[in-house]
Amino acid sequence: MATAAVVGVNGYLGGELLRLLSYHPNFDVTQAVSRSQAGRTVGDALPQVERFGDVVLAADPEKLDTDVAFLAQGAGEAMAIVPSLLARGIRVVDLGPDYRLPQADEYQRVYGRAHADAEHLGEAVYGIPELFGDQVPAAKLVANPGCYPTATLLALAPLAQAGALHGPIVVDAKSGTSGSGAQPSQSAHHPEAALTVRPYGTPEHRHVPEMAAAFGRLGLGPVPLVFVPHLVPLVRGILCSIYAPGDAGTDPAKWAELYNRRYQGSRFVRVGGVPRLPWAQGTNRCYLSVDSAGGAPVVFSAIDNLGKGGAAQAIQNANLMFGFDESAGLAHPGYGV
């Protein structure tokens, strides 16, 4: 049994971490941090999480003393505490963006602030286990990817590695409102988000540089992306429709075979059948399929933004870091029929 701490319990990702960890046979959450709810118990803040209900929420993440810390915080917060956590031998899975970009100047360009821990940027392992899983077990610090990059990279990396892509590649992505976080905002406010679909994040969504960096980590050259996300009136889930030009006469069935070979034996990637979001909701699974439109391949990718796009993938990474079964605590069916 390993001890775990969750920082940022009041957010959707922090709450989902506690929910999923309550099923986990190998992790015991002994500390939790929420500045806004310090002094309350987990049971007070999240009555649905009974297993850790008696844990008292602390205000100071600097006082953590566990085997692993899950940091579910916004930009600029993790890098303030990661150096001290690592110095004390605490392994870290950061669900925020602070360690996803390998270069400090690029981080400053994208997030508009200087990086306070450039020393550890090069040490962080980018945590999509299906693509970088060989690096995760030895990692002290894992940068858990963003939700959009997870859905997009799982769909495009096998094609890019096979030399099957010829850009530009259009990613039409749609996400539920929980992707906007628990902090109220006008755009995610129910009267604004219900009964409509709204594109946002143009001309460059902040996850595009993250995806470019991930392709570089795979040893690939630039992959030209036209990425347009949309907010849809759902709580959780991401569906990407990816229009990826290939060689003339490309057969979608051959691309499907490529996916099957690449993800053969994967615990969490499923190939085949146009995906439905309820299959993925509440799970760590990604559903991929290939179809055609006008004779060109179209790739569909579906995940839960709070699951494979966040908390569940963080637990998958931690399982690998501690030598546990990769699917421990993650064998849940989707919410839908």
Protein backbone atom coordinates (compact mmCIF):
# COMPACT_ATOMS: atom_id res chain seq x y z
CA MET A 1 0.00 0.00 0.00
CA ALA A 2 1.28 3.46 -0.93
CA THR A 3 0.11 6.73 0.59
CA ALA A 4 -1.23 9.52 -1.60
CA ALA A 5 -2.16 13.17 -1.29
CA VAL A 6 -4.55 15.12 -3.49
CA VAL A 7 -4.01 18.87 -3.81
CA GLY A 8 -6.93 20.89 -5.18
CA VAL A 9 -9.82 18.85 -3.82
CA ASN A 10 -12.37 21.58 -4.51
CA GLY A 11 -11.95 21.31 -8.29
CA TYR A 12 -13.58 18.80 -10.61
CA LEU A 13 -10.32 16.94 -11.22
CA GLY A 14 -9.48 16.81 -7.52
CA GLY A 15 -12.92 15.46 -6.69
CA GLU A 16 -12.68 12.89 -9.47
CA LEU A 17 -9.26 11.80 -8.20
CA LEU A 18 -10.69 11.12 -4.75
CA ARG A 19 -13.67 9.27 -6.23
CA LEU A 20 -11.48 7.00 -8.34
CA LEU A 21 -8.85 6.50 -5.64
CA SER A 22 -11.60 5.33 -3.30
CA TYR A 23 -11.80 2.21 -5.51
CA HIS A 24 -8.03 1.70 -5.57
CA PRO A 25 -6.60 -1.34 -3.78
CA ASN A 26 -3.05 0.04 -3.54
CA PHE A 27 -3.33 3.77 -2.82
CA ASP A 28 -4.55 5.18 0.48
CA VAL A 29 -5.26 8.92 0.52
CA THR A 30 -3.93 10.16 3.86
CA GLN A 31 -3.73 13.89 3.06
CA ALA A 32 -5.80 16.29 1.00
CA VAL A 33 -5.44 20.02 0.39
CA SER A 34 -8.02 22.69 -0.33
CA ARG A 35 -7.27 26.27 0.66
CA SER A 36 -10.92 27.28 0.31
CA GLN A 37 -12.21 24.42 2.48
CA ALA A 38 -9.35 23.87 4.93
CA GLY A 39 -10.48 22.48 8.28
CA ARG A 40 -13.39 20.55 6.83
CA THR A 41 -13.19 16.83 6.18
CA VAL A 42 -13.30 15.13 2.80
CA GLY A 43 -16.67 13.72 3.89
CA ASP A 44 -17.98 17.25 4.44
CA ALA A 45 -16.73 18.52 1.07
CA LEU A 46 -17.44 15.37 -0.95
CA PRO A 47 -20.06 13.23 0.81
CA GLN A 48 -19.94 10.67 -2.00
CA VAL A 49 -16.31 9.75 -1.12
CA GLU A 50 -16.83 7.68 2.01
CA ARG A 51 -13.52 5.81 2.11
CA PHE A 52 -11.49 8.95 2.85
CA GLY A 53 -14.29 10.81 4.60
CA ASP A 54 -12.36 11.40 7.83
CA VAL A 55 -9.33 13.02 6.18
CA VAL A 56 -9.14 16.67 7.28
CA LEU A 57 -8.50 19.12 4.46
CA ALA A 58 -5.32 21.14 4.94
CA ALA A 59 -4.44 24.55 3.56
CA ASP A 60 -0.69 24.11 3.07
CA PRO A 61 0.64 21.67 0.44
CA GLU A 62 4.18 22.27 1.68
CA LYS A 63 3.49 19.99 4.65
CA LEU A 64 2.67 16.89 2.64
CA ASP A 65 4.29 13.61 3.71
CA THR A 66 3.13 10.86 1.35
CA ASP A 67 4.57 8.58 -1.31
CA VAL A 68 2.88 10.43 -4.18
CA ALA A 69 1.15 13.78 -4.59
CA PHE A 70 -1.51 14.39 -7.22
CA LEU A 71 -1.60 18.12 -8.01
CA ALA A 72 -4.92 19.22 -9.49
CA GLN A 73 -4.21 22.94 -9.76
CA GLY A 74 -4.21 25.75 -12.27
CA ALA A 75 -1.30 27.25 -14.16
CA GLY A 76 1.48 28.62 -11.96
CA GLU A 77 0.57 26.73 -8.78
CA ALA A 78 2.35 23.39 -9.12
CA MET A 79 5.74 24.85 -9.97
CA ALA A 80 5.72 26.70 -6.63
CA ILE A 81 5.69 23.46 -4.63
CA VAL A 82 7.10 20.72 -6.88
CA PRO A 83 10.78 21.43 -6.05
CA SER A 84 10.20 20.97 -2.32
CA LEU A 85 8.06 17.86 -2.85
CA LEU A 86 10.72 16.23 -5.02
CA ALA A 87 13.46 17.20 -2.56
CA ARG A 88 11.58 15.32 0.17
CA GLY A 89 11.30 12.20 -1.99
CA ILE A 90 7.62 12.63 -2.84
CA ARG A 91 6.80 11.58 -6.38
CA VAL A 92 4.47 13.92 -8.25
CA VAL A 93 1.76 13.62 -10.87
CA ASP A 94 0.87 17.15 -11.96
CA LEU A 95 -2.55 17.42 -13.61
CA GLY A 96 -2.02 21.11 -14.40
CA PRO A 97 -0.05 22.63 -17.28
CA ASP A 98 3.16 23.66 -15.51
CA TYR A 99 5.38 20.81 -16.77
CA ARG A 100 3.77 19.88 -20.08
CA LEU A 101 5.92 22.19 -22.19
CA PRO A 102 9.63 21.32 -22.12
CA GLN A 103 10.92 24.87 -22.59
CA ALA A 104 10.49 27.78 -20.18
CA ASP A 105 10.25 30.43 -22.90
CA GLU A 106 7.42 28.54 -24.61
CA TYR A 107 5.60 28.23 -21.29
CA GLN A 108 5.88 31.98 -20.78
CA ARG A 109 4.58 32.65 -24.29
CA VAL A 110 1.56 30.37 -23.87
CA TYR A 111 0.62 31.09 -20.25
CA GLY A 112 1.85 34.66 -19.92
CA ARG A 113 4.07 34.11 -16.90
CA ALA A 114 7.65 33.12 -16.20
CA HIS A 115 8.30 29.54 -15.19
CA ALA A 116 9.62 29.34 -11.63
CA ASP A 117 11.03 25.81 -11.88
CA ALA A 118 12.80 25.53 -15.21
CA GLU A 119 15.22 23.06 -13.62
CA HIS A 120 12.60 20.31 -13.54
CA LEU A 121 11.01 20.97 -16.93
CA GLY A 122 13.46 18.67 -18.64
CA GLU A 123 12.94 15.94 -16.04
CA ALA A 124 9.17 15.71 -16.34
CA VAL A 125 7.81 12.72 -18.26
CA TYR A 126 4.83 13.50 -20.47
CA GLY A 127 2.27 11.03 -19.20
CA ILE A 128 0.34 9.39 -22.00
CA PRO A 129 1.23 5.80 -21.05
CA GLU A 130 0.24 4.39 -24.43
CA LEU A 131 2.87 6.62 -26.08
CA PHE A 132 5.48 7.22 -23.37
CA GLY A 133 4.82 4.35 -20.98
CA ASP A 134 8.42 3.12 -21.01
CA GLN A 135 9.51 6.39 -19.37
CA VAL A 136 6.85 6.56 -16.65
CA PRO A 137 7.96 3.83 -14.17
CA ALA A 138 11.25 5.58 -13.33
CA ALA A 139 9.76 9.09 -13.29
CA LYS A 140 9.81 11.26 -10.20
CA LEU A 141 7.61 13.87 -11.91
CA VAL A 142 4.90 13.16 -14.47
CA ALA A 143 3.21 15.91 -16.44
CA ASN A 144 -0.30 14.61 -16.90
CA PRO A 145 -1.45 15.74 -20.36
CA GLY A 146 -4.34 18.00 -21.14
CA CYS A 147 -7.64 16.46 -22.16
CA TYR A 148 -7.67 17.70 -25.76
CA PRO A 149 -4.05 16.59 -26.37
CA THR A 150 -4.81 13.14 -24.97
CA ALA A 151 -7.73 12.59 -27.35
CA THR A 152 -5.86 14.07 -30.32
CA LEU A 153 -2.46 12.47 -29.80
CA LEU A 154 -3.82 8.96 -29.26
CA ALA A 155 -5.58 9.35 -32.60
CA LEU A 156 -2.74 10.92 -34.58
CA ALA A 157 0.52 9.58 -33.14
CA PRO A 158 0.30 6.13 -34.81
CA LEU A 159 -0.43 7.74 -38.16
CA ALA A 160 2.36 10.29 -37.79
CA GLN A 161 4.85 7.61 -36.75
CA ALA A 162 3.88 5.56 -39.81
CA GLY A 163 4.40 8.55 -42.10
CA ALA A 164 0.76 8.41 -43.16
CA LEU A 165 -0.14 12.06 -42.60
CA HIS A 166 0.09 14.96 -45.01
CA GLY A 167 -1.27 18.16 -43.47
CA PRO A 168 -2.95 20.30 -42.68
CA ILE A 169 -4.89 18.12 -40.26
CA VAL A 170 -8.20 19.51 -39.03
CA VAL A 171 -9.25 18.59 -35.50
CA ASP A 172 -12.89 19.47 -34.79
CA ALA A 173 -13.10 18.94 -31.01
CA LYS A 174 -16.12 19.17 -28.74
CA SER A 175 -16.00 19.16 -24.95
CA GLY A 176 -18.41 19.26 -22.04
CA THR A 177 -18.55 22.20 -19.65
CA SER A 178 -16.61 20.50 -16.83
CA GLY A 179 -13.52 21.12 -18.94
CA SER A 180 -13.84 24.79 -18.00
CA GLY A 181 -13.20 23.95 -14.35
CA ALA A 182 -15.19 24.40 -11.18
CA GLN A 183 -14.57 28.15 -10.92
CA PRO A 184 -17.69 29.85 -12.33
CA SER A 185 -17.25 31.64 -15.64
CA GLN A 186 -19.71 33.36 -17.94
CA SER A 187 -18.99 31.09 -20.91
CA ALA A 188 -19.68 27.89 -18.94
CA HIS A 189 -22.63 29.36 -17.01
CA HIS A 190 -25.67 27.19 -17.75
CA PRO A 191 -27.79 29.88 -19.48
CA GLU A 192 -24.82 30.62 -21.77
CA ALA A 193 -23.83 27.01 -22.51
CA ALA A 194 -27.17 25.19 -22.70
CA LEU A 195 -28.85 24.54 -26.05
CA THR A 196 -25.93 25.83 -28.08
CA VAL A 197 -22.47 24.93 -29.39
CA ARG A 198 -19.74 27.56 -29.12
CA PRO A 199 -16.32 27.52 -30.77
CA TYR A 200 -13.53 29.09 -28.75
CA GLY A 201 -9.75 29.14 -28.31
CA THR A 202 -8.85 30.58 -31.71
CA PRO A 203 -6.50 31.48 -33.32
CA GLU A 204 -4.29 29.24 -31.14
CA HIS A 205 -5.65 27.19 -28.28
CA ARG A 206 -3.11 26.78 -25.50
CA HIS A 207 -3.10 22.99 -25.99
CA VAL A 208 -1.74 23.26 -29.54
CA PRO A 209 1.85 23.97 -28.38
CA GLU A 210 1.50 21.05 -25.97
CA MET A 211 0.59 18.75 -28.85
CA ALA A 212 3.46 20.08 -30.95
CA ALA A 213 5.86 19.39 -28.08
CA ALA A 214 4.51 15.85 -27.74
CA PHE A 215 5.15 15.12 -31.42
CA GLY A 216 8.68 16.38 -30.86
CA ARG A 217 9.09 14.03 -27.91
CA LEU A 218 8.13 11.20 -30.25
CA GLY A 219 10.97 12.23 -32.56
CA LEU A 220 8.62 13.55 -35.23
CA GLY A 221 8.82 16.72 -37.20
CA PRO A 222 6.12 19.40 -37.10
CA VAL A 223 2.61 18.07 -37.65
CA PRO A 224 0.44 20.92 -39.00
CA LEU A 225 -2.78 21.11 -36.99
CA VAL A 226 -5.87 23.22 -37.46
CA PHE A 227 -7.40 22.74 -34.01
CA VAL A 228 -10.81 24.23 -33.19
CA PRO A 229 -12.46 23.28 -29.87
CA HIS A 230 -16.16 23.75 -29.16
CA LEU A 231 -18.08 23.90 -25.90
CA VAL A 232 -21.19 21.70 -26.00
CA PRO A 233 -24.02 21.42 -23.45
CA LEU A 234 -22.73 18.25 -21.76
CA VAL A 235 -21.05 17.92 -18.38
CA ARG A 236 -18.20 15.59 -19.32
CA GLY A 237 -16.69 14.04 -22.40
CA ILE A 238 -14.65 14.95 -25.49
CA LEU A 239 -15.32 13.89 -29.07
CA CYS A 240 -12.80 14.74 -31.78
CA SER A 241 -13.58 14.41 -35.48
CA ILE A 242 -10.20 14.49 -37.18
CA TYR A 243 -9.84 15.09 -40.90
CA ALA A 244 -6.37 13.82 -41.68
CA PRO A 245 -5.30 13.89 -45.33
CA GLY A 246 -3.21 10.90 -46.30
CA ASP A 247 -1.75 9.48 -49.46
CA ALA A 248 -4.07 9.44 -52.46
CA GLY A 249 -6.34 6.44 -52.31
CA THR A 250 -5.75 5.79 -48.62
CA ASP A 251 -8.01 3.01 -47.43
CA PRO A 252 -9.60 3.75 -44.02
CA ALA A 253 -9.55 0.02 -43.30
CA LYS A 254 -5.75 0.06 -43.54
CA TRP A 255 -5.61 2.89 -41.02
CA ALA A 256 -7.86 0.87 -38.71
CA GLU A 257 -5.41 -2.04 -39.04
CA LEU A 258 -2.59 0.33 -38.11
CA TYR A 259 -4.46 1.35 -34.95
CA ASN A 260 -5.16 -2.24 -34.05
CA ARG A 261 -1.48 -3.13 -34.37
CA ARG A 262 -0.31 -0.03 -32.47
CA TYR A 263 -2.70 -0.50 -29.55
CA GLN A 264 -2.79 -4.28 -29.48
CA GLY A 265 -2.87 -5.35 -25.85
CA SER A 266 -3.70 -1.85 -24.60
CA ARG A 267 -5.77 -1.84 -21.45
CA PHE A 268 -7.53 1.41 -22.25
CA VAL A 269 -7.62 2.11 -26.00
CA ARG A 270 -10.45 0.54 -27.97
CA VAL A 271 -10.55 0.53 -31.78
CA GLY A 272 -13.66 0.04 -33.89
CA GLY A 273 -17.21 1.37 -34.11
CA VAL A 274 -18.07 5.06 -34.24
CA PRO A 275 -17.70 6.02 -30.56
CA ARG A 276 -20.36 7.38 -28.26
CA LEU A 277 -19.41 9.55 -25.31
CA PRO A 278 -21.35 7.50 -22.72
CA TRP A 279 -18.99 4.60 -23.40
CA ALA A 280 -16.09 6.71 -22.13
CA GLN A 281 -17.73 8.78 -19.40
CA GLY A 282 -16.40 7.87 -15.97
CA THR A 283 -13.61 5.71 -17.42
CA ASN A 284 -9.96 5.79 -18.44
CA ARG A 285 -10.72 4.55 -21.94
CA CYS A 286 -10.21 6.14 -25.32
CA TYR A 287 -12.40 4.95 -28.19
CA LEU A 288 -10.98 5.31 -31.70
CA SER A 289 -12.48 4.55 -35.08
CA VAL A 290 -11.82 5.33 -38.73
CA ASP A 291 -14.46 6.14 -41.33
CA SER A 292 -14.39 8.02 -44.62
CA ALA A 293 -15.91 11.20 -45.96
CA GLY A 294 -15.60 12.08 -49.64
CA GLY A 295 -13.08 9.28 -50.02
CA ALA A 296 -10.76 10.63 -47.32
CA PRO A 297 -10.25 9.05 -43.88
CA VAL A 298 -11.92 10.59 -40.85
CA VAL A 299 -10.74 9.56 -37.38
CA PHE A 300 -13.01 9.74 -34.35
CA SER A 301 -11.62 9.87 -30.83
CA ALA A 302 -13.74 9.90 -27.66
CA ILE A 303 -12.62 10.20 -24.03
CA ASP A 304 -13.89 11.54 -20.73
CA ASN A 305 -12.11 14.85 -20.11
CA LEU A 306 -12.15 14.16 -16.35
CA GLY A 307 -11.15 10.50 -16.87
CA LYS A 308 -8.63 9.60 -19.57
CA GLY A 309 -8.21 13.34 -20.05
CA GLY A 310 -7.42 13.94 -16.38
CA ALA A 311 -7.85 12.08 -13.12
CA ALA A 312 -8.02 8.50 -14.42
CA GLN A 313 -4.93 8.91 -16.60
CA ALA A 314 -3.12 10.41 -13.59
CA ILE A 315 -3.88 7.24 -11.64
CA GLN A 316 -2.76 5.10 -14.58
CA ASN A 317 0.55 6.96 -14.50
CA ALA A 318 0.88 6.51 -10.75
CA ASN A 319 0.18 2.79 -11.12
CA LEU A 320 3.14 2.53 -13.49
CA MET A 321 5.34 4.67 -11.24
CA PHE A 322 4.77 2.34 -8.28
CA GLY A 323 4.76 -0.95 -10.13
CA PHE A 324 1.06 -1.65 -9.59
CA ASP A 325 -1.18 -3.23 -12.17
CA GLU A 326 -1.78 -0.56 -14.80
CA SER A 327 -5.56 -0.88 -14.52
CA ALA A 328 -5.74 -0.95 -10.70
CA GLY A 329 -8.66 1.17 -9.53
CA LEU A 330 -9.69 1.92 -13.13
CA ALA A 331 -11.80 -1.04 -14.23
CA HIS A 332 -15.09 0.84 -14.37
CA PRO A 333 -17.79 0.66 -17.03
CA GLY A 334 -18.99 3.83 -18.70
CA TYR A 335 -22.04 5.67 -17.47
CA GLY A 336 -24.18 5.15 -20.55
CA VAL A 337 -26.04 2.26 -22.15
